[in-house]
Amino acid sequence: EELARDLQANGYAVAMRRDRAWFETWSQDGKQVDLAPALALIKEFEGCHLRAYPDPLSGGDPWTIGYGTTRYQNGVKVQRGDQITVIEADLLLRQEIDRIAAKLSGTVPHWKAMNDHQRCALISFAYNLGPDFVGLAGFETITRCLRDRDWAAVPAALELYRNPGTNVEAGLLRRRRAEGKLWGNHAPQLQQEPAKLR
């Protein structure tokens, strides 16, 4: 109904833009969600590894491949020596993002009230730290912000989760800040060249 009214009042060129009220309604019903910002953010920070590599903190398990994949779709863990193609890496990433989005839609308070950028910021966060973070010990701050709909505090809350004092802190802080910018509907400045394959 909103689309029909918009078309009649403003014509096709205006009514078909993604910033129209009807599109927001349609997106929130789960009919259309733009996950491209999550894909771009994850690709930027994970990089693409076509050969399995060890976890940077443990130096071993979990082994990772592609854009941070630790398990294949059939549940089998990535092992040392595994190799994939770029197409397989992209497919694994998209499948994992879809799985995370489905999980978060059932666990994150007020998920349906969020816009696509906010959802994508949380998908990137969950891709890095796991989709079961809501309500877990150690995730009290972000859980409280989401539960209380204190959305202005979410970017600062995201920055808390960066493994202070470790060799990965600087990279995680950059990622959390990019997620915070995305949460605020500002696409973060990502590198302009495609991520290098490793």
Protein backbone atom coordinates (compact mmCIF):
# COMPACT_ATOMS: atom_id res chain seq x y z
CA GLU A 1 0.00 0.00 0.00
CA GLU A 2 2.80 2.42 0.85
CA LEU A 3 4.55 1.65 -2.43
CA ALA A 4 1.35 2.12 -4.44
CA ARG A 5 0.75 5.52 -2.82
CA ASP A 6 4.39 6.55 -3.36
CA LEU A 7 4.27 5.52 -7.04
CA GLN A 8 1.08 7.45 -7.62
CA ALA A 9 2.28 10.58 -5.81
CA ASN A 10 5.95 10.69 -6.88
CA GLY A 11 6.44 8.50 -9.94
CA TYR A 12 8.64 5.46 -10.51
CA ALA A 13 12.10 7.10 -10.32
CA VAL A 14 11.48 8.53 -6.84
CA ALA A 15 9.31 5.75 -5.42
CA MET A 16 11.79 2.97 -6.26
CA ARG A 17 14.64 4.43 -4.18
CA ARG A 18 15.75 2.44 -1.13
CA ASP A 19 15.31 5.45 1.19
CA ARG A 20 11.50 5.42 0.82
CA ALA A 21 9.19 4.55 3.73
CA TRP A 22 7.71 1.52 1.92
CA PHE A 23 11.19 0.00 1.53
CA GLU A 24 11.87 0.30 5.27
CA THR A 25 8.58 -1.49 6.00
CA TRP A 26 9.38 -4.18 3.46
CA SER A 27 12.91 -4.68 4.86
CA GLN A 28 11.68 -4.98 8.45
CA ASP A 29 9.28 -7.73 7.43
CA GLY A 30 12.31 -9.75 6.39
CA LYS A 31 11.41 -9.57 2.72
CA GLN A 32 14.50 -7.61 1.76
CA VAL A 33 17.65 -7.05 3.77
CA ASP A 34 20.77 -5.49 2.30
CA LEU A 35 23.72 -7.37 3.79
CA ALA A 36 26.29 -5.81 1.43
CA PRO A 37 27.75 -3.55 4.17
CA ALA A 38 28.34 -6.60 6.40
CA LEU A 39 30.00 -8.47 3.53
CA ALA A 40 32.30 -5.51 2.78
CA LEU A 41 33.27 -5.01 6.42
CA ILE A 42 33.99 -8.68 7.03
CA LYS A 43 36.01 -9.01 3.83
CA GLU A 44 38.05 -5.94 4.77
CA PHE A 45 39.02 -7.17 8.21
CA GLU A 46 39.25 -10.90 7.62
CA GLY A 47 41.07 -10.86 4.27
CA CYS A 48 40.80 -13.90 2.04
CA HIS A 49 43.01 -16.90 2.77
CA LEU A 50 42.73 -19.73 0.28
CA ARG A 51 44.88 -21.98 2.48
CA ALA A 52 44.00 -22.77 6.09
CA TYR A 53 45.84 -20.70 8.69
CA PRO A 54 46.07 -20.95 12.51
CA ASP A 55 44.24 -18.72 14.96
CA PRO A 56 46.39 -15.63 15.70
CA LEU A 57 45.91 -15.93 19.47
CA SER A 58 46.42 -19.68 19.92
CA GLY A 59 48.78 -20.33 17.01
CA GLY A 60 46.66 -23.40 16.24
CA ASP A 61 42.99 -24.26 16.69
CA PRO A 62 40.67 -23.08 15.39
CA TRP A 63 42.11 -23.25 11.88
CA THR A 64 40.55 -20.73 9.52
CA ILE A 65 40.08 -20.45 5.76
CA GLY A 66 38.48 -18.03 3.31
CA TYR A 67 37.12 -14.94 5.07
CA GLY A 68 37.43 -16.31 8.60
CA THR A 69 35.55 -19.60 8.18
CA THR A 70 36.35 -22.13 10.92
CA ARG A 71 33.72 -24.75 9.98
CA TYR A 72 32.35 -25.80 6.64
CA GLN A 73 28.56 -25.85 6.06
CA ASN A 74 28.45 -29.57 6.90
CA GLY A 75 29.92 -28.82 10.36
CA VAL A 76 33.39 -30.22 9.66
CA LYS A 77 36.18 -28.12 11.18
CA VAL A 78 38.73 -26.46 8.91
CA GLN A 79 42.00 -28.40 9.16
CA ARG A 80 45.65 -27.55 8.55
CA GLY A 81 46.40 -28.07 4.86
CA ASP A 82 42.88 -27.33 3.58
CA GLN A 83 42.63 -25.24 0.38
CA ILE A 84 39.66 -23.61 -1.38
CA THR A 85 38.97 -21.31 -4.34
CA VAL A 86 37.86 -17.66 -4.21
CA ILE A 87 34.37 -18.70 -5.33
CA GLU A 88 34.18 -21.22 -2.48
CA ALA A 89 35.39 -18.54 -0.03
CA ASP A 90 32.66 -16.13 -1.17
CA LEU A 91 30.01 -18.84 -0.92
CA LEU A 92 31.14 -19.84 2.59
CA LEU A 93 31.06 -16.20 3.70
CA ARG A 94 27.56 -15.60 2.35
CA GLN A 95 26.23 -18.82 3.89
CA GLU A 96 27.72 -17.90 7.27
CA ILE A 97 26.35 -14.35 7.14
CA ASP A 98 22.88 -15.70 6.35
CA ARG A 99 23.15 -18.16 9.24
CA ILE A 100 24.29 -15.43 11.65
CA ALA A 101 21.55 -13.04 10.51
CA ALA A 102 18.92 -15.74 11.09
CA LYS A 103 20.34 -16.45 14.57
CA LEU A 104 20.53 -12.78 15.55
CA SER A 105 16.98 -12.13 14.34
CA GLY A 106 15.81 -14.48 17.10
CA THR A 107 18.15 -13.40 19.90
CA VAL A 108 18.91 -9.67 19.54
CA PRO A 109 16.27 -7.50 21.21
CA HIS A 110 14.50 -5.08 18.82
CA TRP A 111 16.13 -6.67 15.73
CA LYS A 112 13.14 -5.89 13.53
CA ALA A 113 13.21 -2.23 14.58
CA MET A 114 16.82 -1.83 13.40
CA ASN A 115 17.79 -0.60 9.96
CA ASP A 116 20.04 -2.60 7.63
CA HIS A 117 23.22 -0.76 8.68
CA GLN A 118 22.61 -1.54 12.35
CA ARG A 119 21.93 -5.19 11.57
CA CYS A 120 25.06 -5.37 9.40
CA ALA A 121 27.21 -3.88 12.19
CA LEU A 122 25.98 -6.59 14.57
CA ILE A 123 26.47 -9.30 11.93
CA SER A 124 30.12 -8.25 11.55
CA PHE A 125 30.50 -8.21 15.35
CA ALA A 126 28.93 -11.67 15.63
CA TYR A 127 30.98 -13.01 12.72
CA ASN A 128 34.09 -12.11 14.70
CA LEU A 129 32.93 -13.02 18.22
CA GLY A 130 30.14 -15.56 17.71
CA PRO A 131 26.39 -15.20 17.18
CA ASP A 132 25.48 -16.28 20.72
CA PHE A 133 26.89 -13.16 22.41
CA VAL A 134 23.56 -11.71 23.63
CA GLY A 135 23.25 -12.42 27.34
CA LEU A 136 26.60 -14.19 27.69
CA ALA A 137 29.02 -13.38 30.50
CA GLY A 138 31.45 -10.76 29.26
CA PHE A 139 28.88 -9.26 26.89
CA GLU A 140 26.77 -7.48 29.51
CA THR A 141 27.36 -3.97 28.14
CA ILE A 142 26.36 -4.63 24.54
CA THR A 143 23.46 -6.82 25.71
CA ARG A 144 22.18 -4.03 27.97
CA CYS A 145 22.47 -1.41 25.21
CA LEU A 146 20.50 -3.57 22.79
CA ARG A 147 17.91 -4.66 25.37
CA ASP A 148 17.30 -1.09 26.59
CA ARG A 149 17.36 0.27 23.03
CA ASP A 150 20.13 2.63 24.09
CA TRP A 151 21.29 2.72 20.51
CA ALA A 152 23.38 5.87 20.85
CA ALA A 153 25.64 3.93 23.24
CA VAL A 154 26.16 0.93 20.94
CA PRO A 155 29.27 2.24 19.09
CA ALA A 156 31.13 2.84 22.38
CA ALA A 157 29.95 -0.53 23.68
CA LEU A 158 31.30 -2.28 20.58
CA GLU A 159 34.77 -0.85 21.25
CA LEU A 160 34.95 -2.68 24.59
CA TYR A 161 35.32 -6.01 22.77
CA ARG A 162 38.86 -5.80 21.43
CA ASN A 163 41.02 -8.15 23.57
CA PRO A 164 42.99 -5.42 25.41
CA GLY A 165 46.68 -6.11 25.88
CA THR A 166 46.91 -8.71 23.09
CA ASN A 167 48.66 -8.63 19.73
CA VAL A 168 45.26 -8.33 18.00
CA GLU A 169 43.94 -5.35 19.99
CA ALA A 170 44.79 -2.64 17.43
CA GLY A 171 43.15 -4.51 14.57
CA LEU A 172 40.08 -5.31 16.63
CA LEU A 173 39.75 -1.68 17.73
CA ARG A 174 39.80 -0.60 14.06
CA ARG A 175 37.12 -3.18 13.31
CA ARG A 176 34.94 -2.17 16.28
CA ARG A 177 35.18 1.49 15.23
CA ALA A 178 34.18 0.59 11.65
CA GLU A 179 31.22 -1.37 13.03
CA GLY A 180 30.29 1.63 15.19
CA LYS A 181 30.34 3.91 12.15
CA LEU A 182 28.20 1.46 10.23
CA TRP A 183 25.79 1.27 13.18
CA GLY A 184 25.41 5.05 12.93
CA ASN A 185 24.47 4.73 9.25
CA HIS A 186 27.85 5.96 8.07
CA ALA A 187 29.63 3.57 5.76
CA PRO A 188 33.19 3.30 7.13
CA GLN A 189 36.14 4.13 4.89
CA LEU A 190 37.38 0.74 3.77
CA GLN A 191 40.43 0.16 1.62
CA GLN A 192 39.74 0.95 -2.00
CA GLU A 193 41.59 -1.99 -3.54
CA PRO A 194 40.22 -5.52 -3.30
CA ALA A 195 41.54 -7.49 -0.33
CA LYS A 196 44.71 -9.38 -1.21
CA LEU A 197 44.43 -13.12 -1.43
CA ARG A 198 46.74 -15.03 0.86
